[in-house]
């Protein structure tokens, strides 16, 4: 039976990248593990005497709050040209976006589109704790993939319309 009080039923804490300076002068970078629904400030100002910390390349453990000199959150660096590169219409090559050679068949375009659309679909990352820059990148890539597919699909649809009549009247 499901027991709400068991420790293994608790959700995994979220990891906040931080730089920790200790009283003895050592500086360590790693992840501060914060329970779901709490902020870093709540964890640091809480009643407990320890915080859960995982240094990069090390094992998860606990640090005494009394030994902390400072904690500085470390953000994912912003890519300066990311937004410009994704919105640049001049450099838009639908074949390159889908990873295809020029003159690819309709079936190759379709398969590449479905493969990339599954990889970059926003629903796939809806529950993940991702930085805002990563979310923006994934959304922009999804839009680019859709635009590339539309750019390659529209000429093929027009060609099919010309080949196949939409309606033919019965003979008299």
Protein backbone atom coordinates (compact mmCIF):
# COMPACT_ATOMS: atom_id res chain seq x y z
CA UNK A 1 0.00 0.00 0.00
CA UNK A 2 1.09 3.56 -0.61
CA UNK A 3 2.52 5.19 2.52
CA UNK A 4 2.80 8.98 2.40
CA UNK A 5 5.21 9.13 5.35
CA UNK A 6 7.95 6.98 3.81
CA UNK A 7 11.10 8.82 2.81
CA UNK A 8 11.36 7.15 -0.61
CA UNK A 9 8.01 8.70 -1.61
CA UNK A 10 9.41 12.23 -1.40
CA UNK A 11 10.07 14.04 -4.68
CA UNK A 12 13.70 14.58 -5.72
CA UNK A 13 14.99 18.00 -4.57
CA UNK A 14 15.81 20.56 -7.21
CA UNK A 15 19.48 21.39 -7.73
CA UNK A 16 20.49 25.05 -7.69
CA UNK A 17 24.00 25.80 -9.04
CA UNK A 18 25.93 27.81 -6.44
CA UNK A 19 29.38 28.91 -5.38
CA UNK A 20 29.94 28.29 -1.66
CA UNK A 21 32.57 30.15 0.36
CA UNK A 22 33.39 28.60 3.72
CA UNK A 23 34.67 30.32 6.86
CA UNK A 24 38.15 28.83 6.34
CA UNK A 25 38.40 30.53 2.92
CA UNK A 26 37.80 27.57 0.62
CA UNK A 27 35.49 28.14 -2.32
CA UNK A 28 33.56 25.27 -3.86
CA UNK A 29 31.15 25.14 -6.78
CA UNK A 30 28.34 22.66 -6.88
CA UNK A 31 24.63 22.12 -6.49
CA UNK A 32 22.61 23.14 -3.46
CA UNK A 33 19.76 20.67 -3.13
CA UNK A 34 16.52 22.46 -2.31
CA UNK A 35 13.28 20.59 -1.48
CA UNK A 36 10.45 21.07 -3.97
CA UNK A 37 8.35 24.10 -3.11
CA UNK A 38 11.08 25.88 -1.11
CA UNK A 39 13.48 28.63 -2.07
CA UNK A 40 17.21 28.84 -1.33
CA UNK A 41 16.53 31.57 1.24
CA UNK A 42 14.01 29.34 3.06
CA UNK A 43 16.54 26.50 3.22
CA UNK A 44 19.33 28.77 4.49
CA UNK A 45 17.13 30.54 7.04
CA UNK A 46 15.33 27.36 8.14
CA UNK A 47 15.57 25.67 11.51
CA UNK A 48 18.01 22.93 10.51
CA UNK A 49 21.73 23.25 11.13
CA UNK A 50 22.83 21.66 7.84
CA UNK A 51 22.22 22.08 4.12
CA UNK A 52 22.47 19.39 1.49
CA UNK A 53 25.22 20.11 -1.05
CA UNK A 54 26.79 18.20 -3.94
CA UNK A 55 30.12 19.57 -5.20
CA UNK A 56 30.84 19.14 -8.90
CA UNK A 57 32.75 15.89 -9.29
CA UNK A 58 32.13 14.93 -5.66
CA UNK A 59 29.68 13.08 -3.48
CA UNK A 60 26.49 14.51 -2.06
CA UNK A 61 26.80 15.47 1.60
CA UNK A 62 25.80 18.00 4.22
CA UNK A 63 27.43 21.32 5.12
CA UNK A 64 27.04 22.96 8.53
CA UNK A 65 25.39 26.37 8.20
CA UNK A 66 27.80 27.69 10.82
CA UNK A 67 30.72 27.02 8.42
CA UNK A 68 29.22 29.04 5.55
CA UNK A 69 30.65 32.48 4.80
CA UNK A 70 28.57 33.10 1.66
CA UNK A 71 26.55 31.38 -1.03
CA UNK A 72 26.35 32.93 -4.47
CA UNK A 73 23.89 31.53 -7.03
CA UNK A 74 25.58 30.82 -10.36
CA UNK A 75 23.45 31.33 -13.44
CA UNK A 76 23.80 29.72 -16.83
CA UNK A 77 25.63 32.28 -18.98
CA UNK A 78 23.50 33.87 -21.66
CA UNK A 79 24.54 33.32 -25.23
CA UNK A 80 24.72 36.81 -26.70
CA UNK A 81 23.99 35.85 -30.30
CA UNK A 82 21.52 33.04 -29.65
CA UNK A 83 18.39 35.15 -30.13
CA UNK A 84 19.83 36.93 -33.14
CA UNK A 85 20.92 33.69 -34.76
CA UNK A 86 17.53 32.03 -34.28
CA UNK A 87 15.54 34.99 -35.60
CA UNK A 88 17.87 35.77 -38.54
CA UNK A 89 15.76 35.22 -41.68
CA UNK A 90 18.70 35.77 -44.04
CA UNK A 91 20.61 32.71 -42.86
CA UNK A 92 17.54 30.45 -42.82
CA UNK A 93 18.18 27.27 -44.78
CA UNK A 94 15.35 24.76 -44.27
CA UNK A 95 17.51 21.85 -45.44
CA UNK A 96 20.24 22.73 -42.93
CA UNK A 97 17.71 23.11 -40.08
CA UNK A 98 16.33 19.64 -40.76
CA UNK A 99 19.80 18.21 -41.42
CA UNK A 100 19.06 17.23 -45.02
CA UNK A 101 20.86 17.55 -48.32
CA UNK A 102 19.34 19.86 -50.92
CA UNK A 103 16.84 18.00 -53.09
CA UNK A 104 15.80 15.52 -50.38
CA UNK A 105 12.68 13.50 -51.09
CA UNK A 106 9.35 14.22 -49.47
CA UNK A 107 9.67 11.12 -47.26
CA UNK A 108 13.16 12.17 -46.06
CA UNK A 109 11.82 15.63 -45.19
CA UNK A 110 8.92 14.06 -43.30
CA UNK A 111 11.16 11.67 -41.32
CA UNK A 112 13.66 14.41 -40.40
CA UNK A 113 10.82 16.71 -39.33
CA UNK A 114 9.22 14.08 -37.07
CA UNK A 115 12.58 13.15 -35.53
CA UNK A 116 13.44 16.75 -34.68
CA UNK A 117 9.90 17.72 -33.69
CA UNK A 118 9.87 14.92 -31.11
CA UNK A 119 13.26 15.96 -29.76
CA UNK A 120 12.42 19.69 -29.40
CA UNK A 121 8.70 19.55 -28.61
CA UNK A 122 7.86 21.82 -25.64
CA UNK A 123 5.74 19.16 -23.91
CA UNK A 124 8.81 16.96 -23.59
CA UNK A 125 10.46 19.53 -21.29
CA UNK A 126 7.34 20.89 -19.57
CA UNK A 127 8.11 19.31 -16.18
CA UNK A 128 11.91 19.70 -16.28
CA UNK A 129 13.62 22.34 -14.15
CA UNK A 130 15.46 24.22 -16.91
CA UNK A 131 16.94 27.73 -16.98
CA UNK A 132 14.91 30.32 -18.87
CA UNK A 133 17.60 30.58 -21.57
CA UNK A 134 17.32 26.86 -22.31
CA UNK A 135 13.52 27.03 -22.46
CA UNK A 136 13.74 29.96 -24.90
CA UNK A 137 16.24 28.05 -27.04
CA UNK A 138 14.04 24.93 -27.17
CA UNK A 139 10.97 27.00 -28.10
CA UNK A 140 12.91 28.85 -30.81
CA UNK A 141 14.24 25.58 -32.24
CA UNK A 142 10.72 24.13 -32.34
CA UNK A 143 9.54 27.19 -34.28
CA UNK A 144 12.52 26.90 -36.66
CA UNK A 145 11.85 23.21 -37.28
CA UNK A 146 8.18 23.92 -38.02
CA UNK A 147 9.13 26.79 -40.35
CA UNK A 148 11.68 24.64 -42.18
CA UNK A 149 9.13 21.86 -42.66
CA UNK A 150 6.53 24.33 -43.88
CA UNK A 151 9.02 25.90 -46.30
CA UNK A 152 9.84 22.52 -47.83
CA UNK A 153 6.31 21.12 -47.69
CA UNK A 154 4.43 24.03 -49.33
CA UNK A 155 6.11 23.79 -52.76
CA UNK A 156 5.46 20.04 -52.78
CA UNK A 157 1.79 20.59 -51.91
CA UNK A 158 1.43 23.16 -54.69
CA UNK A 159 2.94 20.76 -57.16
CA UNK A 160 0.51 18.00 -56.08
CA UNK A 161 -2.44 20.38 -56.45
CA UNK A 162 -1.46 21.10 -60.04
CA UNK A 163 -1.08 17.41 -60.80
CA UNK A 164 -4.33 16.23 -59.24
CA UNK A 165 -7.60 18.04 -59.92
CA UNK A 166 -9.59 18.82 -56.80
CA UNK A 167 -12.94 18.19 -58.47
CA UNK A 168 -13.98 16.80 -61.77
CA UNK A 169 -17.52 17.05 -63.02
CA UNK A 170 -19.22 13.92 -64.22
CA UNK A 171 -19.53 13.51 -67.98
CA UNK A 172 -22.81 14.43 -69.72
